Amino acid sequence: TSQTVKKRTASNENNTDSDDDDDDDEDGWENVDAKPSEEAVIQKLLKEREERQSTLINGEVEVSLTSDEVAAAQSKRKKNLNSKEHLLELHLKRVLKQNCQQKHKDNIVCNLAHGFDLIKTFINNQELSSLMLSLLDESTTETLIYNDKTTSMNDIHRLVEHFNEIFLSIDESTNDEQPVTIENIRLALSEHATKTFSPIRIILFAIYARLLQYECRLVFAADLPPIRPRMKNDGTSGDVKKTRKKNPPTLSDDDNSNGTMNEDTSSIHSSDTASFELVKNHQAISPTITDSKKSTKKIRPLKPRYYWIEIFIQTTDDGYIPIDIYTSKINSLTEFEVNIKFPMLYVWAFDIDQSSSYAKDVTKRYSQKWLTTPYRTSHIEHKTNGDPKWYGKCMKKYQPKDKRKSEYSQVENKQIENQLARQPIPQTKSELNGHPLYVLKSKLLKFEGIYPNETQPIGWFK
C-alpha cells in the first residue's frame, strides 16, 4: 500500500496568490511507500480465503467454485450434451453395442447347432458305428462293457488305453486341415490313426464309448466374438486378455494355423472384417469378392474349439468324469483351461443320445477364472453387458427330458456351486465389486443391505 503525505515548503507560508497555491500543492504532494500494518495483512488473507471458499476436511481439500464459474461450466456441458456430434456418438455406441451382442448371440446358437450336428451326423451314424464295432474283438468288449455296479475309475483308464492302442496319435507336423467329414472318419478307421489334436479323434472315442454302452457327453469350449465393442485407445474394453503364443498347434478342424491363431496379439477377441459368414462343411466362407476379371471365394476359418468327452459312472460321487483324449488325462478339471489357447468363457456338454436333445452350460465347472471380473462381464449371463433372460430361455429348450438325467443335473449344479465356494476369496476391491458370492459392506449400493443385520462376516478384507 502507499500512503499520501502532504508537505508544504516554508518559503510559501504567507503566499496569497491562488495560482501560486495551486502550483505549491502540485509540487508538495508525493507518494511514499510504507509497510502495511499487521491488521491490514490479516484482513487481506481472510478476504482471499473467503473468495476461494476452500475448507480442509479430514486432510483433504474441498474447493467450492463461485456461482458464476459453476453456471459457466454447466452451460458449456449442457451445450456439449445437446450437440449433434455428441448425440451421434451416443447413437453409434448403442448401435455398435447392439451389433456386438447380436453377433455374440448368433455365435452361441451356431455353436449349439454344431454340437447337435456332430452327434446326429457322426456319433449316431450307423455305418461308422458298424466300422468301429468291427475293430473290437469279443473278449475286449466283454471286459470293457459298462456295468452300473462294477465299473470304476480303473475301468476308465483301461478304456482309454485300449482306444489309444487301436488308434495311434500322429503329431501334426503340417498345417493341413482335417475337417470332420464321413470320408475322413472312414479314412481314420481304416488307417487306425488320427492327428493328435483333430476333433475326429474325439468323434471316434464317442462312437467307441457308445458301443460299449457308456453314458457320455460330448463337450467343447468355444471362442466367441466379444460381447462388447472395442473402442479406440482401449486395449481391453472389458474383453478378456491373454498372451497368445506364436504358431500354436491346430486344435480343431475349424482352426487354421495360418489364420488368427498365429497372430501375436494381446487381445484374444479380434474383430472380424466381414459382418457375416456362411458356414459350409464346418468352414466359414466369406462373401464372394467380385473382380473385373473373375470372382473368387476366400475360405476363412471359424473360431477354434477344444473338444473332450465326459463319461458317467454310477459308482463314484463325481458323476461325469472328463476325459481329454488329446492328452489322455482323466478327471483333471484344471488341465483343460491350461491346454486351451483362448479364454474359457463358454463350455457346453451335449448328451450323445440323439433322442434326448440334452445340452448344458458347464463353463463354471471347468473355468478356474469364472469368478474374476473380466470373465463374468464377458459372458452373456452378465446382467449389464449381456442378456441373461435370453440365454436362460435358449438353454431351457435343451434341458434333459429323462427324469434320472434331470435329477442328476440338479445334483451337478450343487456340486458346481460348492466347487466355486471353495475357490479363494478375491483380494482386491475391484474383484469383489459385483461378486456373485461375496460382498463388502462398504460397497453396498443405496438400496442394498445385508439381512439379517446381525449376520456375521465370513472374513476380513485387509
Protein backbone atom coordinates (compact mmCIF):
# COMPACT_ATOMS: atom_id res chain seq x y z
CA THR A 1 0.00 0.00 0.00
CA SER A 2 1.04 3.60 -0.46
CA GLN A 3 0.18 6.45 1.79
CA THR A 4 -0.06 10.06 0.68
CA VAL A 5 1.66 12.69 2.81
CA LYS A 6 1.19 16.41 2.35
CA LYS A 7 4.24 18.65 2.56
CA ARG A 8 4.46 22.37 2.41
CA THR A 9 7.51 24.49 1.77
CA ALA A 10 8.50 27.10 4.35
CA SER A 11 9.15 29.82 1.78
CA ASN A 12 5.48 29.95 0.64
CA GLU A 13 3.71 30.09 4.03
CA ASN A 14 2.38 33.69 3.54
CA ASN A 15 1.71 33.46 -0.18
CA THR A 16 -1.80 34.81 -1.04
CA ASP A 17 -1.82 34.23 -4.82
CA SER A 18 -4.22 31.35 -5.70
CA ASP A 19 -2.17 30.33 -8.73
CA ASP A 20 0.90 30.09 -6.59
CA ASP A 21 -1.07 27.96 -4.07
CA ASP A 22 -2.08 25.54 -6.82
CA ASP A 23 1.47 25.25 -8.02
CA ASP A 24 2.66 24.68 -4.47
CA ASP A 25 0.01 21.98 -3.93
CA GLU A 26 1.03 20.13 -7.08
CA ASP A 27 4.66 20.27 -6.12
CA GLY A 28 4.02 19.49 -2.47
CA TRP A 29 2.30 16.01 -2.85
CA GLU A 30 4.36 12.87 -3.34
CA ASN A 31 3.95 9.04 -2.94
CA VAL A 32 5.69 7.45 -0.01
CA ASP A 33 5.99 3.64 0.37
CA ALA A 34 5.15 2.45 3.86
CA LYS A 35 4.95 -1.03 5.44
CA PRO A 36 1.37 -2.35 5.80
CA SER A 37 0.06 -2.80 9.27
CA GLU A 38 -0.41 -6.33 10.67
CA GLU A 39 -4.17 -5.86 10.80
CA ALA A 40 -4.32 -4.98 7.08
CA VAL A 41 -2.30 -8.08 6.17
CA ILE A 42 -4.64 -10.36 8.17
CA GLN A 43 -7.73 -8.78 6.62
CA LYS A 44 -6.28 -9.33 3.15
CA LEU A 45 -5.57 -13.01 3.84
CA LEU A 46 -9.04 -13.56 5.27
CA LYS A 47 -10.57 -11.94 2.22
CA GLU A 48 -8.57 -14.10 -0.17
CA ARG A 49 -9.54 -17.23 1.78
CA GLU A 50 -13.18 -16.23 1.72
CA GLU A 51 -13.04 -15.71 -2.03
CA ARG A 52 -11.54 -19.16 -2.60
CA GLN A 53 -14.11 -20.69 -0.23
CA SER A 54 -11.87 -23.68 0.45
CA THR A 55 -12.15 -25.87 3.51
CA LEU A 56 -9.93 -28.62 4.91
CA ILE A 57 -11.81 -31.76 5.97
CA ASN A 58 -10.04 -34.93 7.16
CA GLY A 59 -6.82 -33.89 5.49
CA GLU A 60 -8.49 -33.39 2.09
CA VAL A 61 -9.09 -30.03 0.45
CA GLU A 62 -12.55 -29.34 -0.90
CA VAL A 63 -12.69 -26.42 -3.31
CA SER A 64 -16.03 -24.72 -3.88
CA LEU A 65 -16.39 -22.78 -7.11
CA THR A 66 -18.20 -19.50 -7.32
CA SER A 67 -21.71 -19.43 -8.70
CA ASP A 68 -20.53 -17.76 -11.91
CA GLU A 69 -17.93 -20.46 -12.57
CA VAL A 70 -20.42 -23.26 -11.86
CA ALA A 71 -23.02 -21.69 -14.14
CA ALA A 72 -20.46 -21.30 -16.93
CA ALA A 73 -19.33 -24.94 -16.61
CA GLN A 74 -22.90 -26.25 -16.57
CA SER A 75 -23.92 -24.24 -19.59
CA LYS A 76 -20.85 -25.45 -21.50
CA ARG A 77 -21.53 -29.10 -20.57
CA LYS A 78 -25.21 -28.74 -21.42
CA LYS A 79 -24.25 -27.30 -24.76
CA ASN A 80 -21.92 -30.24 -25.50
CA LEU A 81 -24.53 -32.82 -24.44
CA ASN A 82 -27.08 -31.34 -26.81
CA SER A 83 -24.68 -31.05 -29.73
CA LYS A 84 -25.24 -33.16 -32.83
CA GLU A 85 -21.77 -34.66 -32.55
CA HIS A 86 -22.43 -35.94 -29.05
CA LEU A 87 -25.84 -37.35 -29.95
CA LEU A 88 -24.38 -39.11 -33.00
CA GLU A 89 -21.58 -40.53 -30.87
CA LEU A 90 -24.07 -41.92 -28.36
CA HIS A 91 -26.17 -43.42 -31.15
CA LEU A 92 -23.09 -45.01 -32.72
CA LYS A 93 -22.09 -46.57 -29.40
CA ARG A 94 -25.59 -48.01 -28.95
CA VAL A 95 -25.58 -49.49 -32.45
CA LEU A 96 -22.11 -51.00 -32.01
CA LYS A 97 -23.10 -52.50 -28.67
CA GLN A 98 -26.28 -53.99 -30.14
CA ASN A 99 -24.41 -55.40 -33.13
CA CYS A 100 -21.71 -56.98 -30.95
CA GLN A 101 -24.28 -58.51 -28.63
CA GLN A 102 -26.35 -59.84 -31.55
CA LYS A 103 -23.25 -61.34 -33.17
CA HIS A 104 -22.38 -62.90 -29.83
CA LYS A 105 -25.85 -64.47 -29.59
CA ASP A 106 -25.67 -65.74 -33.17
CA ASN A 107 -22.38 -67.48 -32.42
CA ILE A 108 -23.90 -69.12 -29.34
CA VAL A 109 -26.75 -70.53 -31.41
CA CYS A 110 -24.36 -71.69 -34.15
CA ASN A 111 -22.12 -73.48 -31.62
CA LEU A 112 -25.11 -75.23 -30.07
CA ALA A 113 -26.19 -76.33 -33.54
CA HIS A 114 -22.63 -77.52 -34.21
CA GLY A 115 -22.71 -79.80 -31.15
CA PHE A 116 -26.04 -81.39 -32.08
CA ASP A 117 -24.89 -81.76 -35.69
CA LEU A 118 -21.80 -83.74 -34.62
CA ILE A 119 -23.97 -86.11 -32.59
CA LYS A 120 -26.62 -86.60 -35.27
CA THR A 121 -24.35 -86.80 -38.30
CA PHE A 122 -21.33 -88.70 -36.98
CA ILE A 123 -21.64 -90.20 -33.49
CA ASN A 124 -25.03 -91.81 -34.18
CA ASN A 125 -24.13 -92.78 -37.73
CA GLN A 126 -24.91 -96.47 -38.26
CA GLU A 127 -22.20 -97.01 -40.85
CA LEU A 128 -19.45 -95.53 -38.68
CA SER A 129 -20.71 -97.47 -35.66
CA SER A 130 -20.54 -100.71 -37.66
CA LEU A 131 -16.99 -99.99 -38.81
CA MET A 132 -15.95 -99.25 -35.22
CA LEU A 133 -17.58 -102.43 -33.95
CA SER A 134 -15.57 -104.46 -36.45
CA LEU A 135 -12.37 -103.20 -34.77
CA LEU A 136 -13.40 -104.50 -31.32
CA ASP A 137 -12.81 -108.16 -30.52
CA GLU A 138 -15.36 -110.03 -28.42
CA SER A 139 -13.10 -110.61 -25.41
CA THR A 140 -12.27 -106.92 -25.11
CA THR A 141 -15.89 -105.94 -25.45
CA GLU A 142 -16.93 -108.24 -22.61
CA THR A 143 -14.29 -106.88 -20.22
CA LEU A 144 -14.74 -103.18 -21.04
CA ILE A 145 -18.52 -103.00 -21.35
CA TYR A 146 -20.18 -100.67 -18.81
CA ASN A 147 -21.77 -102.07 -15.65
CA ASP A 148 -23.66 -99.87 -13.18
CA LYS A 149 -22.39 -101.74 -10.13
CA THR A 150 -18.84 -102.73 -11.04
CA THR A 151 -17.41 -100.13 -13.46
CA SER A 152 -14.83 -97.97 -11.66
CA MET A 153 -12.08 -95.48 -12.45
CA ASN A 154 -9.68 -98.34 -13.22
CA ASP A 155 -12.02 -99.45 -15.99
CA ILE A 156 -12.00 -95.93 -17.42
CA HIS A 157 -8.19 -95.98 -17.57
CA ARG A 158 -8.30 -99.34 -19.34
CA LEU A 159 -10.90 -97.96 -21.73
CA VAL A 160 -8.64 -95.05 -22.75
CA GLU A 161 -5.55 -97.27 -23.03
CA HIS A 162 -7.33 -99.71 -25.32
CA PHE A 163 -8.57 -96.85 -27.53
CA ASN A 164 -5.01 -95.49 -27.85
CA GLU A 165 -3.87 -98.95 -28.91
CA ILE A 166 -6.46 -99.09 -31.69
CA PHE A 167 -5.93 -95.52 -32.96
CA LEU A 168 -2.41 -94.17 -32.99
CA SER A 169 -1.88 -90.46 -32.36
CA ILE A 170 0.11 -88.72 -35.10
CA ASP A 171 1.78 -85.45 -34.22
CA GLU A 172 0.72 -82.68 -36.56
CA SER A 173 3.89 -81.58 -38.30
CA THR A 174 1.93 -79.91 -41.11
CA ASN A 175 -0.72 -77.23 -41.05
CA ASP A 176 -3.13 -79.19 -43.27
CA GLU A 177 -6.68 -79.08 -42.02
CA GLN A 178 -8.64 -82.24 -41.31
CA PRO A 179 -12.33 -81.30 -41.27
CA VAL A 180 -14.86 -83.64 -39.73
CA THR A 181 -16.42 -85.50 -42.65
CA ILE A 182 -17.66 -89.05 -43.23
CA GLU A 183 -14.78 -89.67 -45.64
CA ASN A 184 -12.10 -88.51 -43.18
CA ILE A 185 -13.61 -90.63 -40.39
CA ARG A 186 -13.68 -93.66 -42.69
CA LEU A 187 -10.03 -92.99 -43.53
CA ALA A 188 -9.11 -92.79 -39.83
CA LEU A 189 -10.94 -96.07 -39.18
CA SER A 190 -9.09 -97.81 -41.99
CA GLU A 191 -5.67 -96.40 -41.08
CA HIS A 192 -6.18 -96.80 -37.30
CA ALA A 193 -4.66 -93.36 -36.76
CA THR A 194 -5.67 -89.73 -36.38
CA LYS A 195 -3.92 -86.43 -35.90
CA THR A 196 -3.25 -85.59 -32.28
CA PHE A 197 -5.47 -82.51 -31.99
CA SER A 198 -8.05 -83.46 -34.58
CA PRO A 199 -11.70 -83.48 -33.43
CA ILE A 200 -12.05 -86.70 -35.44
CA ARG A 201 -10.26 -88.44 -32.58
CA ILE A 202 -12.95 -87.21 -30.18
CA ILE A 203 -15.72 -88.38 -32.51
CA LEU A 204 -14.16 -91.83 -32.75
CA PHE A 205 -13.87 -92.12 -28.97
CA ALA A 206 -17.52 -91.09 -28.55
CA ILE A 207 -18.61 -93.82 -31.00
CA TYR A 208 -16.29 -96.27 -29.22
CA ALA A 209 -17.73 -95.47 -25.76
CA ARG A 210 -21.31 -95.53 -27.06
CA LEU A 211 -20.82 -99.06 -28.45
CA LEU A 212 -19.59 -100.15 -25.02
CA GLN A 213 -22.83 -98.81 -23.51
CA TYR A 214 -21.28 -95.88 -21.63
CA GLU A 215 -23.42 -92.84 -20.97
CA CYS A 216 -21.28 -89.97 -22.14
CA ARG A 217 -21.42 -86.36 -23.22
CA LEU A 218 -19.57 -84.52 -25.97
CA VAL A 219 -18.01 -81.35 -24.52
CA PHE A 220 -16.26 -78.47 -26.22
CA ALA A 221 -15.10 -74.98 -25.33
CA ALA A 222 -15.67 -72.34 -28.00
CA ASP A 223 -14.03 -69.00 -28.70
CA LEU A 224 -16.73 -66.41 -29.39
CA PRO A 225 -16.58 -62.80 -30.62
CA PRO A 226 -16.55 -60.19 -27.84
CA ILE A 227 -19.86 -59.22 -26.31
CA ARG A 228 -18.87 -55.53 -26.22
CA PRO A 229 -17.28 -53.35 -28.91
CA ARG A 230 -13.66 -52.37 -28.59
CA MET A 231 -13.23 -48.63 -28.55
CA LYS A 232 -10.24 -46.68 -29.78
CA ASN A 233 -7.39 -46.26 -27.30
CA ASP A 234 -8.93 -49.04 -25.25
CA GLY A 235 -6.87 -52.18 -25.04
CA THR A 236 -9.43 -54.31 -23.25
CA SER A 237 -12.92 -52.76 -23.32
CA GLY A 238 -13.98 -55.48 -20.93
CA ASP A 239 -12.66 -58.29 -23.09
CA VAL A 240 -10.51 -60.97 -21.60
CA LYS A 241 -6.83 -60.51 -22.40
CA LYS A 242 -4.42 -63.36 -22.66
CA THR A 243 -0.98 -63.67 -24.18
CA ARG A 244 -1.06 -65.89 -27.22
CA LYS A 245 1.91 -67.89 -28.36
CA LYS A 246 3.04 -67.81 -31.95
CA ASN A 247 2.25 -70.87 -34.09
CA PRO A 248 0.13 -72.80 -31.57
CA PRO A 249 -0.99 -76.30 -32.52
CA THR A 250 -4.13 -76.79 -34.52
CA LEU A 251 -6.89 -77.75 -32.11
CA SER A 252 -9.84 -78.36 -34.40
CA ASP A 253 -10.95 -78.75 -37.95
CA ASP A 254 -12.22 -75.17 -37.86
CA ASP A 255 -8.85 -73.83 -36.80
CA ASN A 256 -6.34 -72.59 -39.33
CA SER A 257 -2.81 -72.28 -38.03
CA ASN A 258 -2.08 -69.66 -40.70
CA GLY A 259 -5.07 -67.60 -39.61
CA THR A 260 -5.95 -65.73 -36.48
CA MET A 261 -4.35 -68.23 -34.10
CA ASN A 262 -0.87 -67.31 -35.34
CA GLU A 263 -1.24 -63.62 -34.65
CA ASP A 264 0.84 -62.39 -31.75
CA THR A 265 -1.63 -60.04 -30.16
CA SER A 266 -2.60 -59.10 -26.63
CA SER A 267 -6.31 -59.12 -27.40
CA ILE A 268 -7.88 -62.54 -27.71
CA HIS A 269 -11.04 -61.41 -29.42
CA SER A 270 -10.11 -59.99 -32.82
CA SER A 271 -12.80 -58.19 -34.74
CA ASP A 272 -13.94 -59.82 -37.96
CA THR A 273 -13.63 -57.98 -41.25
CA ALA A 274 -16.98 -59.15 -42.56
CA SER A 275 -20.37 -58.63 -40.96
CA PHE A 276 -21.49 -62.20 -41.64
CA GLU A 277 -20.14 -65.59 -42.63
CA LEU A 278 -21.58 -68.57 -44.46
CA VAL A 279 -20.99 -71.96 -42.90
CA LYS A 280 -20.43 -74.95 -45.15
CA ASN A 281 -18.70 -78.20 -44.26
CA HIS A 282 -17.72 -76.76 -40.86
CA GLN A 283 -15.77 -73.92 -42.52
CA ALA A 284 -16.59 -70.26 -42.90
CA ILE A 285 -16.77 -68.87 -46.41
CA SER A 286 -16.53 -65.12 -46.78
CA PRO A 287 -18.87 -63.31 -49.19
CA THR A 288 -17.90 -63.53 -52.84
CA ILE A 289 -15.38 -60.89 -53.87
CA THR A 290 -16.22 -59.59 -57.34
CA ASP A 291 -13.30 -58.69 -59.60
CA SER A 292 -13.26 -57.15 -63.03
CA LYS A 293 -11.88 -60.36 -64.48
CA LYS A 294 -13.20 -63.13 -62.25
CA SER A 295 -14.91 -63.79 -58.94
CA THR A 296 -13.21 -65.84 -56.24
CA LYS A 297 -14.14 -67.16 -52.82
CA LYS A 298 -11.87 -66.86 -49.82
CA ILE A 299 -12.16 -69.55 -47.17
CA ARG A 300 -11.80 -68.18 -43.67
CA PRO A 301 -11.57 -70.47 -40.61
CA LEU A 302 -14.12 -70.32 -37.84
CA LYS A 303 -13.01 -69.50 -34.35
CA PRO A 304 -11.31 -72.50 -32.67
CA ARG A 305 -12.78 -75.08 -30.31
CA TYR A 306 -11.36 -77.62 -27.91
CA TYR A 307 -13.14 -80.98 -27.53
CA TRP A 308 -13.29 -83.69 -24.88
CA ILE A 309 -15.62 -86.39 -23.53
CA GLU A 310 -17.44 -86.87 -20.21
CA ILE A 311 -18.36 -90.41 -19.08
CA PHE A 312 -20.92 -91.06 -16.36
CA ILE A 313 -20.05 -93.58 -13.62
CA GLN A 314 -22.62 -94.66 -11.07
CA THR A 315 -20.09 -95.98 -8.53
CA THR A 316 -18.44 -92.61 -7.86
CA ASP A 317 -19.75 -89.36 -6.41
CA ASP A 318 -18.10 -87.35 -9.20
CA GLY A 319 -20.74 -88.44 -11.70
CA TYR A 320 -19.45 -87.31 -15.10
CA ILE A 321 -15.71 -87.97 -15.47
CA PRO A 322 -13.96 -85.70 -18.01
CA ILE A 323 -11.50 -87.39 -20.37
CA ASP A 324 -9.11 -85.40 -22.54
CA ILE A 325 -8.36 -87.75 -25.44
CA TYR A 326 -5.70 -85.37 -26.79
CA THR A 327 -3.55 -85.75 -23.66
CA SER A 328 -5.09 -88.99 -22.24
CA LYS A 329 -5.67 -87.26 -18.89
CA ILE A 330 -8.67 -88.42 -16.87
CA ASN A 331 -10.67 -86.37 -14.35
CA SER A 332 -8.28 -83.40 -14.47
CA LEU A 333 -10.60 -80.40 -14.37
CA THR A 334 -7.83 -77.81 -14.12
CA GLU A 335 -5.88 -79.15 -17.10
CA PHE A 336 -8.39 -78.16 -19.77
CA GLU A 337 -8.04 -74.41 -19.32
CA VAL A 338 -4.26 -74.74 -19.48
CA ASN A 339 -4.35 -76.53 -22.83
CA ILE A 340 -6.80 -74.11 -24.44
CA LYS A 341 -5.29 -71.16 -26.31
CA PHE A 342 -8.28 -68.86 -25.80
CA PRO A 343 -10.35 -67.73 -22.78
CA MET A 344 -12.65 -70.45 -21.45
CA LEU A 345 -15.83 -68.37 -21.47
CA TYR A 346 -18.25 -70.93 -22.92
CA VAL A 347 -18.24 -74.70 -22.40
CA TRP A 348 -21.20 -76.84 -23.47
CA ALA A 349 -21.88 -80.52 -22.83
CA PHE A 350 -24.10 -82.49 -25.25
CA ASP A 351 -25.62 -85.86 -24.45
CA ILE A 352 -24.75 -88.27 -27.28
CA ASP A 353 -28.21 -89.85 -27.05
CA GLN A 354 -29.82 -88.26 -30.08
CA SER A 355 -33.35 -88.65 -28.76
CA SER A 356 -32.65 -86.59 -25.61
CA SER A 357 -31.51 -83.32 -27.28
CA TYR A 358 -29.81 -82.53 -23.97
CA ALA A 359 -27.26 -79.72 -23.75
CA LYS A 360 -25.92 -77.91 -20.72
CA ASP A 361 -23.62 -74.97 -19.99
CA VAL A 362 -20.82 -76.33 -17.77
CA THR A 363 -18.46 -73.35 -18.00
CA LYS A 364 -18.48 -72.78 -14.24
CA ARG A 365 -17.24 -76.32 -13.70
CA TYR A 366 -14.15 -76.05 -15.90
CA SER A 367 -13.21 -72.36 -15.91
CA GLN A 368 -10.95 -71.62 -12.94
CA LYS A 369 -11.24 -67.88 -13.69
CA TRP A 370 -15.03 -67.76 -13.88
CA LEU A 371 -15.40 -65.65 -10.72
CA THR A 372 -12.95 -62.99 -11.91
CA THR A 373 -14.40 -59.72 -13.16
CA PRO A 374 -13.15 -59.91 -16.80
CA TYR A 375 -14.69 -63.37 -17.28
CA ARG A 376 -18.04 -62.59 -15.63
CA THR A 377 -18.52 -59.36 -17.57
CA SER A 378 -17.65 -61.03 -20.90
CA HIS A 379 -20.37 -63.70 -20.61
CA ILE A 380 -23.93 -63.41 -21.91
CA GLU A 381 -25.25 -64.09 -18.39
CA HIS A 382 -23.88 -60.77 -17.10
CA LYS A 383 -26.88 -58.55 -16.36
CA THR A 384 -25.22 -55.31 -17.55
CA ASN A 385 -23.31 -56.36 -20.67
CA GLY A 386 -25.26 -59.44 -21.71
CA ASP A 387 -28.80 -60.75 -21.85
CA PRO A 388 -29.30 -63.42 -19.15
CA LYS A 389 -33.04 -63.76 -19.84
CA TRP A 390 -32.40 -64.58 -23.49
CA TYR A 391 -29.69 -67.11 -22.62
CA GLY A 392 -31.83 -68.75 -19.94
CA LYS A 393 -34.73 -69.11 -22.36
CA CYS A 394 -32.36 -70.50 -25.01
CA MET A 395 -30.81 -73.15 -22.75
CA LYS A 396 -34.20 -74.09 -21.28
CA LYS A 397 -35.07 -75.73 -24.60
CA TYR A 398 -32.24 -78.22 -24.15
CA GLN A 399 -32.95 -79.42 -20.63
CA PRO A 400 -32.88 -83.22 -20.11
CA LYS A 401 -36.18 -84.98 -20.74
CA ASP A 402 -35.15 -88.11 -18.88
CA LYS A 403 -36.11 -87.95 -15.20
CA ARG A 404 -32.89 -89.56 -13.96
CA LYS A 405 -30.71 -87.19 -16.00
CA SER A 406 -32.77 -84.24 -14.83
CA GLU A 407 -32.26 -85.21 -11.19
CA TYR A 408 -28.54 -85.65 -11.64
CA SER A 409 -28.35 -82.31 -13.47
CA GLN A 410 -29.63 -80.64 -10.28
CA VAL A 411 -27.07 -82.56 -8.23
CA GLU A 412 -24.38 -81.43 -10.65
CA ASN A 413 -25.45 -77.79 -10.20
CA LYS A 414 -24.96 -78.10 -6.44
CA GLN A 415 -21.55 -79.67 -7.00
CA ILE A 416 -20.57 -76.73 -9.19
CA GLU A 417 -21.75 -74.24 -6.56
CA ASN A 418 -19.71 -76.00 -3.88
CA GLN A 419 -16.71 -76.02 -6.19
CA LEU A 420 -16.98 -72.27 -6.73
CA ALA A 421 -17.38 -71.65 -2.99
CA ARG A 422 -14.10 -73.47 -2.35
CA GLN A 423 -12.15 -71.05 -4.51
CA PRO A 424 -10.14 -68.39 -2.62
CA ILE A 425 -11.77 -65.07 -1.79
CA PRO A 426 -10.59 -62.21 -4.10
CA GLN A 427 -8.01 -59.90 -2.58
CA THR A 428 -8.87 -56.69 -4.42
CA LYS A 429 -11.90 -54.40 -4.17
CA SER A 430 -12.35 -54.41 -7.94
CA GLU A 431 -12.75 -58.19 -7.93
CA LEU A 432 -15.19 -58.05 -5.01
CA ASN A 433 -17.31 -55.39 -6.70
CA GLY A 434 -20.36 -57.19 -8.08
CA HIS A 435 -19.07 -60.60 -7.00
CA PRO A 436 -21.74 -63.35 -7.08
CA LEU A 437 -20.63 -64.90 -3.76
CA TYR A 438 -19.07 -62.17 -1.62
CA VAL A 439 -19.88 -58.55 -0.83
CA LEU A 440 -18.11 -55.76 1.04
CA LYS A 441 -20.37 -53.77 3.32
CA SER A 442 -18.70 -50.54 2.18
CA LYS A 443 -19.57 -51.38 -1.44
CA LEU A 444 -23.32 -51.74 -0.90
CA LEU A 445 -25.44 -49.56 -3.18
CA LYS A 446 -28.07 -47.09 -1.99
CA PHE A 447 -30.94 -49.57 -1.97
CA GLU A 448 -28.92 -52.64 -0.94
CA GLY A 449 -28.45 -54.10 2.50
CA ILE A 450 -27.39 -57.20 4.41
CA TYR A 451 -30.20 -59.14 6.02
CA PRO A 452 -30.36 -60.05 8.81
CA ASN A 453 -28.29 -57.22 10.27
CA GLU A 454 -26.54 -59.49 12.78
CA THR A 455 -25.10 -61.66 10.01
CA GLN A 456 -21.51 -62.49 10.91
CA PRO A 457 -18.85 -61.78 8.27
CA ILE A 458 -17.06 -64.81 6.83
CA GLY A 459 -13.76 -62.95 6.66
CA TRP A 460 -11.95 -59.64 6.71
CA PHE A 461 -10.60 -57.63 3.78
CA LYS A 462 -7.09 -56.39 4.61
